[in-house]
Amino acid sequence: MKILMLTKKLPYPVIDGECLVIMNELKALQGEGTSIDVLALNTQKHYSALSEFPLEVNKLAHFYDVPIDTSIRAWDAMLNLFSNKSYNIQRFWSDAFANKLKQLLNENAYDIIFLQGLYLVQYADIIKANSRAKLVMRSHNVEHEIWQRLAVEEKSFFKKGYLNLLAERMKRYEESNINTCDAMIAITEKDLAKFKQMGLVKPSAAISGCIELNPASTGKREIRSVFFLGSFDWTPNIQGVYWFIENVWSGLSQEFPDWQLYIAGRNFKQEMAISQGECIHWVGEVKDAVGFMEEKMPYCF
C-alpha cells in the first residue's frame, strides 16, 4: 500500500501534541508492503531541518518539505476583510507546495492520502485532478469553535469583532468542506458528533491521538504528579492552563497537598506564570516530550 500524508508542520522534533499525534500515526501505519511519503509545510514558526532527522524517524517515511511563511501580516489581514475567504486558511496556501504535491502525485500511484487537519483540505482539488487515491481527513479540532472561544475571551471591542469574523468564515469553510474527503477521522467523539451536526455524511470514526509511553522506563518517576504539555504560542493552550489552575488545581492542591503540577511547552515566557507556589512548576520547553511524560506518569491532562 502506498500512502501520502500532508501536514502543516514536520512532526520532528516531537515537542507538541500535533507532532505526537502525527508521529504515532506514522508508527501505526507501518506494515509489510506499506510505503509512506510525508509532504509538509515547513513554517518559520515551527521550522525543522530534514537533515537533522534521526535514522529511526526516517525509517517511518520519506519526508519532503516546502518552506512557507505563515506570519500574520496586518496589510494582508486588512485586505482579507474585503473578501469572503478565511484568512487563517489562506495563510497555509503555497504555490510551491501545490507544485510539489502535483509532482508526487504524478510520480506515485497512492492508495490513500491523509490530510492532517482542515488547513490542508484546500489542496483536495489538486489531488482529485491528479490521483485516484482515497482522501482521509484527520481532524485535530473543530476549528471554528476555537476562534469562537477566543472571541468570547477577548476584551477589546475591535479585536472581538475581528475574531468573530474569523470564526464565522472558518465555520463556513469547515461546513462547506465537511464532505470533501472520502472519510473523516475525528480526534474525539464530541468532535465527531459536531461534524455530523454540521452535515458530515461520509464514513467517519473518532480515534484519539495515541501516545506511546514506556511503562518499564527506569528513569525518574513522580507518582503524585499532574502535567500539561503544549505549545504556549497557541492561545487556547494558555487559556486552558489558566482555567485548570483557577478552577481545578486550587481545590485539588488543598485536598492533596503533596501532588505536584508541571506545566511545560515551547515558546513559554516567564511572565506567563500567573500562579506561583511550591507545588506548581513552570518548566518551559522540554527537549524530549515523551521522556517528560514518562517521568510524570501516571497522571496527565
C-alpha atoms as a PDB file:
ATOM      1  CA  MET A   1       0.000   0.000   0.000  1.00  0.00           C
ATOM      2  CA  LYS A   2       1.268   3.451  -0.947  1.00  0.00           C
ATOM      3  CA  ILE A   3       0.324   6.285   1.446  1.00  0.00           C
ATOM      4  CA  LEU A   4       0.824  10.039   1.239  1.00  0.00           C
ATOM      5  CA  MET A   5       0.354  12.254   4.280  1.00  0.00           C
ATOM      6  CA  LEU A   6       0.058  16.041   4.031  1.00  0.00           C
ATOM      7  CA  THR A   7       0.898  18.025   7.169  1.00  0.00           C
ATOM      8  CA  LYS A   8       1.212  21.705   8.037  1.00  0.00           C
ATOM      9  CA  LYS A   9       4.381  21.068  10.038  1.00  0.00           C
ATOM     10  CA  LEU A  10       7.115  18.467  10.166  1.00  0.00           C
ATOM     11  CA  PRO A  11       6.426  16.049  13.041  1.00  0.00           C
ATOM     12  CA  TYR A  12      10.007  16.008  14.317  1.00  0.00           C
ATOM     13  CA  PRO A  13      11.260  17.017  16.813  1.00  0.00           C
ATOM     14  CA  VAL A  14       8.306  15.753  18.831  1.00  0.00           C
ATOM     15  CA  ILE A  15       7.663  18.791  21.013  1.00  0.00           C
ATOM     16  CA  ASP A  16       3.895  19.302  20.939  1.00  0.00           C
ATOM     17  CA  GLY A  17       0.628  17.430  20.707  1.00  0.00           C
ATOM     18  CA  GLU A  18       0.222  17.706  16.947  1.00  0.00           C
ATOM     19  CA  CYS A  19       3.688  16.260  16.356  1.00  0.00           C
ATOM     20  CA  LEU A  20       2.940  13.446  18.808  1.00  0.00           C
ATOM     21  CA  VAL A  21      -0.283  12.535  17.016  1.00  0.00           C
ATOM     22  CA  ILE A  22       1.324  12.540  13.568  1.00  0.00           C
ATOM     23  CA  MET A  23       4.408  10.621  14.649  1.00  0.00           C
ATOM     24  CA  ASN A  24       2.410   7.904  16.371  1.00  0.00           C
ATOM     25  CA  GLU A  25       0.085   7.595  13.389  1.00  0.00           C
ATOM     26  CA  LEU A  26       3.129   7.074  11.177  1.00  0.00           C
ATOM     27  CA  LYS A  27       4.229   4.297  13.528  1.00  0.00           C
ATOM     28  CA  ALA A  28       0.757   2.744  13.494  1.00  0.00           C
ATOM     29  CA  LEU A  29       0.673   2.698   9.677  1.00  0.00           C
ATOM     30  CA  GLN A  30       3.878   0.675   9.418  1.00  0.00           C
ATOM     31  CA  GLY A  31       3.495  -2.765   7.878  1.00  0.00           C
ATOM     32  CA  GLU A  32       4.863  -5.162   5.318  1.00  0.00           C
ATOM     33  CA  GLY A  33       4.355  -3.776   1.840  1.00  0.00           C
ATOM     34  CA  THR A  34       3.452  -0.303   3.124  1.00  0.00           C
ATOM     35  CA  SER A  35       5.332   2.761   1.907  1.00  0.00           C
ATOM     36  CA  ILE A  36       4.659   6.237   3.299  1.00  0.00           C
ATOM     37  CA  ASP A  37       5.535   9.672   1.947  1.00  0.00           C
ATOM     38  CA  VAL A  38       5.064  12.811   4.040  1.00  0.00           C
ATOM     39  CA  LEU A  39       4.795  16.221   2.391  1.00  0.00           C
ATOM     40  CA  ALA A  40       4.939  19.005   4.968  1.00  0.00           C
ATOM     41  CA  LEU A  41       4.659  22.737   5.027  1.00  0.00           C
ATOM     42  CA  ASN A  42       7.754  23.891   6.897  1.00  0.00           C
ATOM     43  CA  THR A  43       6.740  27.135   8.546  1.00  0.00           C
ATOM     44  CA  GLN A  44       9.087  29.715  10.013  1.00  0.00           C
ATOM     45  CA  LYS A  45       7.189  29.401  13.286  1.00  0.00           C
ATOM     46  CA  HIS A  46       7.783  25.644  13.568  1.00  0.00           C
ATOM     47  CA  TYR A  47      10.804  25.219  11.306  1.00  0.00           C
ATOM     48  CA  SER A  48      12.573  21.868  11.366  1.00  0.00           C
ATOM     49  CA  ALA A  49      15.570  20.717   9.323  1.00  0.00           C
ATOM     50  CA  LEU A  50      15.171  17.413   7.478  1.00  0.00           C
ATOM     51  CA  SER A  51      18.935  16.929   7.674  1.00  0.00           C
ATOM     52  CA  GLU A  52      18.622  16.595  11.464  1.00  0.00           C
ATOM     53  CA  PHE A  53      16.067  13.770  11.398  1.00  0.00           C
ATOM     54  CA  PRO A  54      17.468  10.655  13.104  1.00  0.00           C
ATOM     55  CA  LEU A  55      17.546   7.286  11.369  1.00  0.00           C
ATOM     56  CA  GLU A  56      14.611   5.883  13.355  1.00  0.00           C
ATOM     57  CA  VAL A  57      12.379   8.737  12.136  1.00  0.00           C
ATOM     58  CA  ASN A  58      13.497   8.444   8.514  1.00  0.00           C
ATOM     59  CA  LYS A  59      12.629   4.740   8.639  1.00  0.00           C
ATOM     60  CA  LEU A  60       8.970   5.663   9.160  1.00  0.00           C
ATOM     61  CA  ALA A  61       8.512   7.610   5.925  1.00  0.00           C
ATOM     62  CA  HIS A  62      10.093   9.545   3.098  1.00  0.00           C
ATOM     63  CA  PHE A  63       9.858  13.195   4.187  1.00  0.00           C
ATOM     64  CA  TYR A  64       9.535  16.165   1.840  1.00  0.00           C
ATOM     65  CA  ASP A  65       9.148  19.761   2.964  1.00  0.00           C
ATOM     66  CA  VAL A  66       8.268  23.093   1.398  1.00  0.00           C
ATOM     67  CA  PRO A  67       9.214  26.294   3.294  1.00  0.00           C
ATOM     68  CA  ILE A  68       6.377  28.739   3.912  1.00  0.00           C
ATOM     69  CA  ASP A  69       5.933  31.939   5.900  1.00  0.00           C
ATOM     70  CA  THR A  70       2.539  31.865   7.629  1.00  0.00           C
ATOM     71  CA  SER A  71       3.154  35.017   9.674  1.00  0.00           C
ATOM     72  CA  ILE A  72       0.140  37.245  10.198  1.00  0.00           C
ATOM     73  CA  ARG A  73       0.604  40.449   8.221  1.00  0.00           C
ATOM     74  CA  ALA A  74      -1.537  43.478   9.033  1.00  0.00           C
ATOM     75  CA  TRP A  75      -1.852  44.505   5.363  1.00  0.00           C
ATOM     76  CA  ASP A  76      -2.900  41.041   4.209  1.00  0.00           C
ATOM     77  CA  ALA A  77      -5.334  40.734   7.098  1.00  0.00           C
ATOM     78  CA  MET A  78      -6.882  44.097   6.221  1.00  0.00           C
ATOM     79  CA  LEU A  79      -7.245  43.208   2.530  1.00  0.00           C
ATOM     80  CA  ASN A  80      -8.868  39.944   3.519  1.00  0.00           C
ATOM     81  CA  LEU A  81     -11.679  41.924   5.137  1.00  0.00           C
ATOM     82  CA  PHE A  82     -12.898  42.787   1.649  1.00  0.00           C
ATOM     83  CA  SER A  83     -13.191  39.153   0.623  1.00  0.00           C
ATOM     84  CA  ASN A  84     -15.349  36.312   1.878  1.00  0.00           C
ATOM     85  CA  LYS A  85     -12.435  33.936   2.392  1.00  0.00           C
ATOM     86  CA  SER A  86     -10.913  32.669   5.628  1.00  0.00           C
ATOM     87  CA  TYR A  87      -7.631  34.452   6.268  1.00  0.00           C
ATOM     88  CA  ASN A  88      -6.462  31.611   8.505  1.00  0.00           C
ATOM     89  CA  ILE A  89      -6.936  29.085   5.696  1.00  0.00           C
ATOM     90  CA  GLN A  90      -5.321  31.356   3.087  1.00  0.00           C
ATOM     91  CA  ARG A  91      -2.145  31.666   5.153  1.00  0.00           C
ATOM     92  CA  PHE A  92      -1.430  27.966   4.563  1.00  0.00           C
ATOM     93  CA  TRP A  93      -1.693  28.115   0.781  1.00  0.00           C
ATOM     94  CA  SER A  94       1.621  27.733  -1.064  1.00  0.00           C
ATOM     95  CA  ASP A  95       2.088  27.545  -4.837  1.00  0.00           C
ATOM     96  CA  ALA A  96       5.377  25.736  -4.250  1.00  0.00           C
ATOM     97  CA  PHE A  97       3.633  23.181  -2.035  1.00  0.00           C
ATOM     98  CA  ALA A  98       0.911  22.706  -4.662  1.00  0.00           C
ATOM     99  CA  ASN A  99       3.555  22.112  -7.343  1.00  0.00           C
ATOM    100  CA  LYS A 100       5.456  19.613  -5.192  1.00  0.00           C
ATOM    101  CA  LEU A 101       2.181  17.839  -4.470  1.00  0.00           C
ATOM    102  CA  LYS A 102       1.436  17.558  -8.201  1.00  0.00           C
ATOM    103  CA  GLN A 103       4.924  16.151  -8.769  1.00  0.00           C
ATOM    104  CA  LEU A 104       4.493  13.452  -6.119  1.00  0.00           C
ATOM    105  CA  LEU A 105       1.046  12.552  -7.417  1.00  0.00           C
ATOM    106  CA  ASN A 106       2.349  12.200 -10.971  1.00  0.00           C
ATOM    107  CA  GLU A 107       5.310  10.085  -9.870  1.00  0.00           C
ATOM    108  CA  ASN A 108       3.442   7.778  -7.477  1.00  0.00           C
ATOM    109  CA  ALA A 109       0.218   5.777  -7.514  1.00  0.00           C
ATOM    110  CA  TYR A 110      -1.030   6.429  -3.982  1.00  0.00           C
ATOM    111  CA  ASP A 111      -3.812   4.338  -2.451  1.00  0.00           C
ATOM    112  CA  ILE A 112      -4.627   6.630   0.479  1.00  0.00           C
ATOM    113  CA  ILE A 113      -3.854  10.276   1.125  1.00  0.00           C
ATOM    114  CA  PHE A 114      -4.204  11.639   4.665  1.00  0.00           C
ATOM    115  CA  LEU A 115      -4.810  15.350   5.172  1.00  0.00           C
ATOM    116  CA  GLN A 116      -3.690  16.285   8.682  1.00  0.00           C
ATOM    117  CA  GLY A 117      -6.185  18.990   9.527  1.00  0.00           C
ATOM    118  CA  LEU A 118      -8.617  21.384   7.867  1.00  0.00           C
ATOM    119  CA  TYR A 119      -5.873  23.664   6.542  1.00  0.00           C
ATOM    120  CA  LEU A 120      -4.758  21.010   4.031  1.00  0.00           C
ATOM    121  CA  VAL A 121      -8.240  20.495   2.536  1.00  0.00           C
ATOM    122  CA  GLN A 122      -7.669  23.430   0.177  1.00  0.00           C
ATOM    123  CA  TYR A 123      -5.309  21.131  -1.751  1.00  0.00           C
ATOM    124  CA  ALA A 124      -8.001  18.464  -2.290  1.00  0.00           C
ATOM    125  CA  ASP A 125      -8.903  19.654  -5.802  1.00  0.00           C
ATOM    126  CA  ILE A 126      -5.295  19.162  -6.912  1.00  0.00           C
ATOM    127  CA  ILE A 127      -5.307  15.653  -5.500  1.00  0.00           C
ATOM    128  CA  LYS A 128      -8.582  14.727  -7.168  1.00  0.00           C
ATOM    129  CA  ALA A 129      -7.354  16.022 -10.519  1.00  0.00           C
ATOM    130  CA  ASN A 130      -4.102  14.048 -10.347  1.00  0.00           C
ATOM    131  CA  SER A 131      -4.840  10.901  -8.346  1.00  0.00           C
ATOM    132  CA  ARG A 132      -7.419   8.180  -7.765  1.00  0.00           C
ATOM    133  CA  ALA A 133      -6.383   7.794  -4.140  1.00  0.00           C
ATOM    134  CA  LYS A 134      -8.941   7.864  -1.342  1.00  0.00           C
ATOM    135  CA  LEU A 135      -8.767  11.040   0.743  1.00  0.00           C
ATOM    136  CA  VAL A 136      -8.967  10.815   4.508  1.00  0.00           C
ATOM    137  CA  MET A 137      -9.137  13.950   6.617  1.00  0.00           C
ATOM    138  CA  ARG A 138      -7.598  13.624  10.083  1.00  0.00           C
ATOM    139  CA  SER A 139      -9.254  16.399  12.072  1.00  0.00           C
ATOM    140  CA  HIS A 140      -7.378  17.722  15.101  1.00  0.00           C
ATOM    141  CA  ASN A 141     -10.097  20.181  16.182  1.00  0.00           C
ATOM    142  CA  VAL A 142     -13.436  21.686  15.297  1.00  0.00           C
ATOM    143  CA  GLU A 143     -11.519  24.698  14.093  1.00  0.00           C
ATOM    144  CA  HIS A 144     -14.204  27.395  14.110  1.00  0.00           C
ATOM    145  CA  GLU A 145     -15.048  26.657  17.753  1.00  0.00           C
ATOM    146  CA  ILE A 146     -11.507  27.607  18.751  1.00  0.00           C
ATOM    147  CA  TRP A 147     -11.901  31.046  17.190  1.00  0.00           C
ATOM    148  CA  GLN A 148     -15.348  31.461  18.731  1.00  0.00           C
ATOM    149  CA  ARG A 149     -13.874  30.822  22.182  1.00  0.00           C
ATOM    150  CA  LEU A 150     -11.060  33.298  21.538  1.00  0.00           C
ATOM    151  CA  ALA A 151     -13.636  35.917  20.597  1.00  0.00           C
ATOM    152  CA  VAL A 152     -15.585  35.302  23.823  1.00  0.00           C
ATOM    153  CA  GLU A 153     -12.448  35.815  25.937  1.00  0.00           C
ATOM    154  CA  GLU A 154     -11.272  38.934  24.077  1.00  0.00           C
ATOM    155  CA  LYS A 155     -11.837  42.217  25.941  1.00  0.00           C
ATOM    156  CA  SER A 156     -11.133  44.649  23.110  1.00  0.00           C
ATOM    157  CA  PHE A 157     -14.299  45.537  21.166  1.00  0.00           C
ATOM    158  CA  PHE A 158     -12.495  45.742  17.826  1.00  0.00           C
ATOM    159  CA  LYS A 159     -10.441  42.562  18.317  1.00  0.00           C
ATOM    160  CA  LYS A 160     -13.558  40.706  19.453  1.00  0.00           C
ATOM    161  CA  GLY A 161     -15.345  41.786  16.275  1.00  0.00           C
ATOM    162  CA  TYR A 162     -12.438  40.655  14.098  1.00  0.00           C
ATOM    163  CA  LEU A 163     -12.162  37.296  15.880  1.00  0.00           C
ATOM    164  CA  ASN A 164     -15.902  36.755  15.427  1.00  0.00           C
ATOM    165  CA  LEU A 165     -15.460  37.432  11.716  1.00  0.00           C
ATOM    166  CA  LEU A 166     -12.596  34.919  11.530  1.00  0.00           C
ATOM    167  CA  ALA A 167     -14.710  32.373  13.389  1.00  0.00           C
ATOM    168  CA  GLU A 168     -17.693  32.852  11.078  1.00  0.00           C
ATOM    169  CA  ARG A 169     -15.573  32.499   7.929  1.00  0.00           C
ATOM    170  CA  MET A 170     -13.822  29.455   9.363  1.00  0.00           C
ATOM    171  CA  LYS A 171     -17.205  27.922  10.171  1.00  0.00           C
ATOM    172  CA  ARG A 172     -18.458  28.472   6.621  1.00  0.00           C
ATOM    173  CA  TYR A 173     -15.303  26.934   5.199  1.00  0.00           C
ATOM    174  CA  GLU A 174     -15.488  23.990   7.591  1.00  0.00           C
ATOM    175  CA  GLU A 175     -19.155  23.356   6.759  1.00  0.00           C
ATOM    176  CA  SER A 176     -18.691  23.684   3.007  1.00  0.00           C
ATOM    177  CA  ASN A 177     -15.803  21.181   3.041  1.00  0.00           C
ATOM    178  CA  ILE A 178     -17.205  18.737   5.580  1.00  0.00           C
ATOM    179  CA  ASN A 179     -17.708  16.080   2.865  1.00  0.00           C
ATOM    180  CA  THR A 180     -14.795  16.966   0.564  1.00  0.00           C
ATOM    181  CA  CYS A 181     -12.779  13.908   1.594  1.00  0.00           C
ATOM    182  CA  ASP A 182     -13.841  10.289   1.292  1.00  0.00           C
ATOM    183  CA  ALA A 183     -13.644   9.724   5.044  1.00  0.00           C
ATOM    184  CA  MET A 184     -13.158  11.651   8.273  1.00  0.00           C
ATOM    185  CA  ILE A 185     -11.264  10.721  11.438  1.00  0.00           C
ATOM    186  CA  ALA A 186     -12.040  12.970  14.400  1.00  0.00           C
ATOM    187  CA  ILE A 187      -9.892  13.237  17.500  1.00  0.00           C
ATOM    188  CA  THR A 188     -12.838  12.843  19.942  1.00  0.00           C
ATOM    189  CA  GLU A 189     -16.400  11.540  19.935  1.00  0.00           C
ATOM    190  CA  LYS A 190     -17.573  15.053  20.804  1.00  0.00           C
ATOM    191  CA  ASP A 191     -15.881  16.491  17.717  1.00  0.00           C
ATOM    192  CA  LEU A 192     -17.342  13.732  15.546  1.00  0.00           C
ATOM    193  CA  ALA A 193     -20.846  14.477  16.827  1.00  0.00           C
ATOM    194  CA  LYS A 194     -20.313  18.142  15.976  1.00  0.00           C
ATOM    195  CA  PHE A 195     -19.154  17.293  12.449  1.00  0.00           C
ATOM    196  CA  LYS A 196     -22.245  15.155  11.902  1.00  0.00           C
ATOM    197  CA  GLN A 197     -24.374  18.021  13.165  1.00  0.00           C
ATOM    198  CA  MET A 198     -22.638  20.205  10.558  1.00  0.00           C
ATOM    199  CA  GLY A 199     -23.630  17.782   7.798  1.00  0.00           C
ATOM    200  CA  LEU A 200     -20.948  15.080   7.692  1.00  0.00           C
ATOM    201  CA  VAL A 201     -22.292  12.039   5.831  1.00  0.00           C
ATOM    202  CA  LYS A 202     -19.065  10.380   4.682  1.00  0.00           C
ATOM    203  CA  PRO A 203     -17.672   7.330   6.552  1.00  0.00           C
ATOM    204  CA  SER A 204     -16.205   8.527   9.829  1.00  0.00           C
ATOM    205  CA  ALA A 205     -14.744   7.473  13.153  1.00  0.00           C
ATOM    206  CA  ALA A 206     -13.333   9.005  16.322  1.00  0.00           C
ATOM    207  CA  ILE A 207      -9.783   7.909  17.126  1.00  0.00           C
ATOM    208  CA  SER A 208      -7.971   9.692  19.927  1.00  0.00           C
ATOM    209  CA  GLY A 209      -4.382  10.754  19.481  1.00  0.00           C
ATOM    210  CA  CYS A 210      -2.280   7.929  20.881  1.00  0.00           C
ATOM    211  CA  ILE A 211       0.937   8.486  22.789  1.00  0.00           C
ATOM    212  CA  GLU A 212       3.418   5.631  23.064  1.00  0.00           C
ATOM    213  CA  LEU A 213       4.959   5.542  26.516  1.00  0.00           C
ATOM    214  CA  ASN A 214       7.334   3.068  28.055  1.00  0.00           C
ATOM    215  CA  PRO A 215       5.935   1.983  31.448  1.00  0.00           C
ATOM    216  CA  ALA A 216       9.100  -0.048  32.057  1.00  0.00           C
ATOM    217  CA  SER A 217      11.294   3.043  31.839  1.00  0.00           C
ATOM    218  CA  THR A 218      13.913   3.056  34.589  1.00  0.00           C
ATOM    219  CA  GLY A 219      14.222   6.832  34.652  1.00  0.00           C
ATOM    220  CA  LYS A 220      12.996   9.184  37.363  1.00  0.00           C
ATOM    221  CA  ARG A 221       9.272   8.716  38.039  1.00  0.00           C
ATOM    222  CA  GLU A 222       6.979  11.006  40.002  1.00  0.00           C
ATOM    223  CA  ILE A 223       3.832   9.196  41.025  1.00  0.00           C
ATOM    224  CA  ARG A 224       1.915  12.124  42.525  1.00  0.00           C
ATOM    225  CA  SER A 225       2.204  14.478  39.607  1.00  0.00           C
ATOM    226  CA  VAL A 226      -0.037  16.105  37.047  1.00  0.00           C
ATOM    227  CA  PHE A 227       1.306  17.762  33.914  1.00  0.00           C
ATOM    228  CA  PHE A 228       0.378  19.890  30.961  1.00  0.00           C
ATOM    229  CA  LEU A 229       2.429  19.758  27.764  1.00  0.00           C
ATOM    230  CA  GLY A 230       1.552  22.060  24.889  1.00  0.00           C
ATOM    231  CA  SER A 231       2.716  24.999  22.843  1.00  0.00           C
ATOM    232  CA  PHE A 232       2.491  28.406  24.512  1.00  0.00           C
ATOM    233  CA  ASP A 233       2.210  30.218  21.203  1.00  0.00           C
ATOM    234  CA  TRP A 234      -1.331  28.807  20.900  1.00  0.00           C
ATOM    235  CA  THR A 235      -3.736  30.944  22.934  1.00  0.00           C
ATOM    236  CA  PRO A 236      -6.265  28.153  23.699  1.00  0.00           C
ATOM    237  CA  ASN A 237      -3.475  26.229  25.448  1.00  0.00           C
ATOM    238  CA  ILE A 238      -2.673  29.203  27.662  1.00  0.00           C
ATOM    239  CA  GLN A 239      -6.347  29.753  28.461  1.00  0.00           C
ATOM    240  CA  GLY A 240      -6.765  26.065  29.285  1.00  0.00           C
ATOM    241  CA  VAL A 241      -3.817  26.082  31.688  1.00  0.00           C
ATOM    242  CA  TYR A 242      -5.107  29.186  33.473  1.00  0.00           C
ATOM    243  CA  TRP A 243      -8.620  27.723  33.733  1.00  0.00           C
ATOM    244  CA  PHE A 244      -7.278  24.465  35.165  1.00  0.00           C
ATOM    245  CA  ILE A 245      -5.188  26.239  37.790  1.00  0.00           C
ATOM    246  CA  GLU A 246      -8.010  28.535  38.900  1.00  0.00           C
ATOM    247  CA  ASN A 247     -10.935  26.096  38.725  1.00  0.00           C
ATOM    248  CA  VAL A 248      -9.457  22.660  39.367  1.00  0.00           C
ATOM    249  CA  TRP A 249      -5.960  22.750  40.794  1.00  0.00           C
ATOM    250  CA  SER A 250      -6.806  25.240  43.537  1.00  0.00           C
ATOM    251  CA  GLY A 251      -9.151  22.670  45.053  1.00  0.00           C
ATOM    252  CA  LEU A 252      -7.069  19.574  44.308  1.00  0.00           C
ATOM    253  CA  SER A 253      -3.934  21.014  45.881  1.00  0.00           C
ATOM    254  CA  GLN A 254      -5.765  21.620  49.147  1.00  0.00           C
ATOM    255  CA  GLU A 255      -7.053  18.060  49.268  1.00  0.00           C
ATOM    256  CA  PHE A 256      -3.779  16.526  48.034  1.00  0.00           C
ATOM    257  CA  PRO A 257      -1.014  18.899  49.169  1.00  0.00           C
ATOM    258  CA  ASP A 258       1.791  16.505  48.180  1.00  0.00           C
ATOM    259  CA  TRP A 259       0.798  16.457  44.482  1.00  0.00           C
ATOM    260  CA  GLN A 260       2.857  18.495  42.021  1.00  0.00           C
ATOM    261  CA  LEU A 261       1.723  20.298  38.849  1.00  0.00           C
ATOM    262  CA  TYR A 262       4.227  20.602  35.975  1.00  0.00           C
ATOM    263  CA  ILE A 263       3.490  22.969  33.090  1.00  0.00           C
ATOM    264  CA  ALA A 264       5.706  22.567  30.022  1.00  0.00           C
ATOM    265  CA  GLY A 265       5.742  23.640  26.399  1.00  0.00           C
ATOM    266  CA  ARG A 266       7.591  25.527  23.712  1.00  0.00           C
ATOM    267  CA  ASN A 267       7.645  29.337  23.479  1.00  0.00           C
ATOM    268  CA  PHE A 268       6.952  29.712  27.204  1.00  0.00           C
ATOM    269  CA  LYS A 269       7.723  33.136  28.663  1.00  0.00           C
ATOM    270  CA  GLN A 270       8.214  33.593  32.392  1.00  0.00           C
ATOM    271  CA  GLU A 271       5.584  36.331  32.562  1.00  0.00           C
ATOM    272  CA  MET A 272       3.006  33.685  31.636  1.00  0.00           C
ATOM    273  CA  ALA A 273       3.465  32.092  35.064  1.00  0.00           C
ATOM    274  CA  ILE A 274       0.373  33.652  36.619  1.00  0.00           C
ATOM    275  CA  SER A 275       0.325  31.415  39.666  1.00  0.00           C
ATOM    276  CA  GLN A 276       3.244  30.573  41.898  1.00  0.00           C
ATOM    277  CA  GLY A 277       3.633  28.052  44.665  1.00  0.00           C
ATOM    278  CA  GLU A 278       5.740  25.155  45.827  1.00  0.00           C
ATOM    279  CA  CYS A 279       3.513  22.645  44.028  1.00  0.00           C
ATOM    280  CA  ILE A 280       3.301  24.465  40.658  1.00  0.00           C
ATOM    281  CA  HIS A 281       6.338  24.168  38.395  1.00  0.00           C
ATOM    282  CA  TRP A 282       6.556  26.214  35.181  1.00  0.00           C
ATOM    283  CA  VAL A 283       9.026  24.065  33.260  1.00  0.00           C
ATOM    284  CA  GLY A 284       9.037  25.715  29.834  1.00  0.00           C
ATOM    285  CA  GLU A 285      10.238  23.886  26.739  1.00  0.00           C
ATOM    286  CA  VAL A 286      11.442  20.304  27.092  1.00  0.00           C
ATOM    287  CA  LYS A 287      13.760  18.566  24.646  1.00  0.00           C
ATOM    288  CA  ASP A 288      12.053  15.185  24.896  1.00  0.00           C
ATOM    289  CA  ALA A 289       8.249  15.354  25.156  1.00  0.00           C
ATOM    290  CA  VAL A 290       7.781  11.595  25.541  1.00  0.00           C
ATOM    291  CA  GLY A 291      10.524  11.365  28.166  1.00  0.00           C
ATOM    292  CA  PHE A 292       8.898  14.211  30.085  1.00  0.00           C
ATOM    293  CA  MET A 293       5.535  12.426  30.041  1.00  0.00           C
ATOM    294  CA  GLU A 294       7.075   9.139  31.136  1.00  0.00           C
ATOM    295  CA  GLU A 295       8.670  10.912  34.065  1.00  0.00           C
ATOM    296  CA  LYS A 296       5.370  12.445  35.143  1.00  0.00           C
ATOM    297  CA  MET A 297       3.212   9.331  34.738  1.00  0.00           C
ATOM    298  CA  PRO A 298       0.604   8.209  35.571  1.00  0.00           C
ATOM    299  CA  TYR A 299      -1.445  11.442  35.636  1.00  0.00           C
ATOM    300  CA  CYS A 300      -1.798  13.878  32.728  1.00  0.00           C
ATOM    301  CA  PHE A 301      -4.318  16.284  31.214  1.00  0.00           C
END
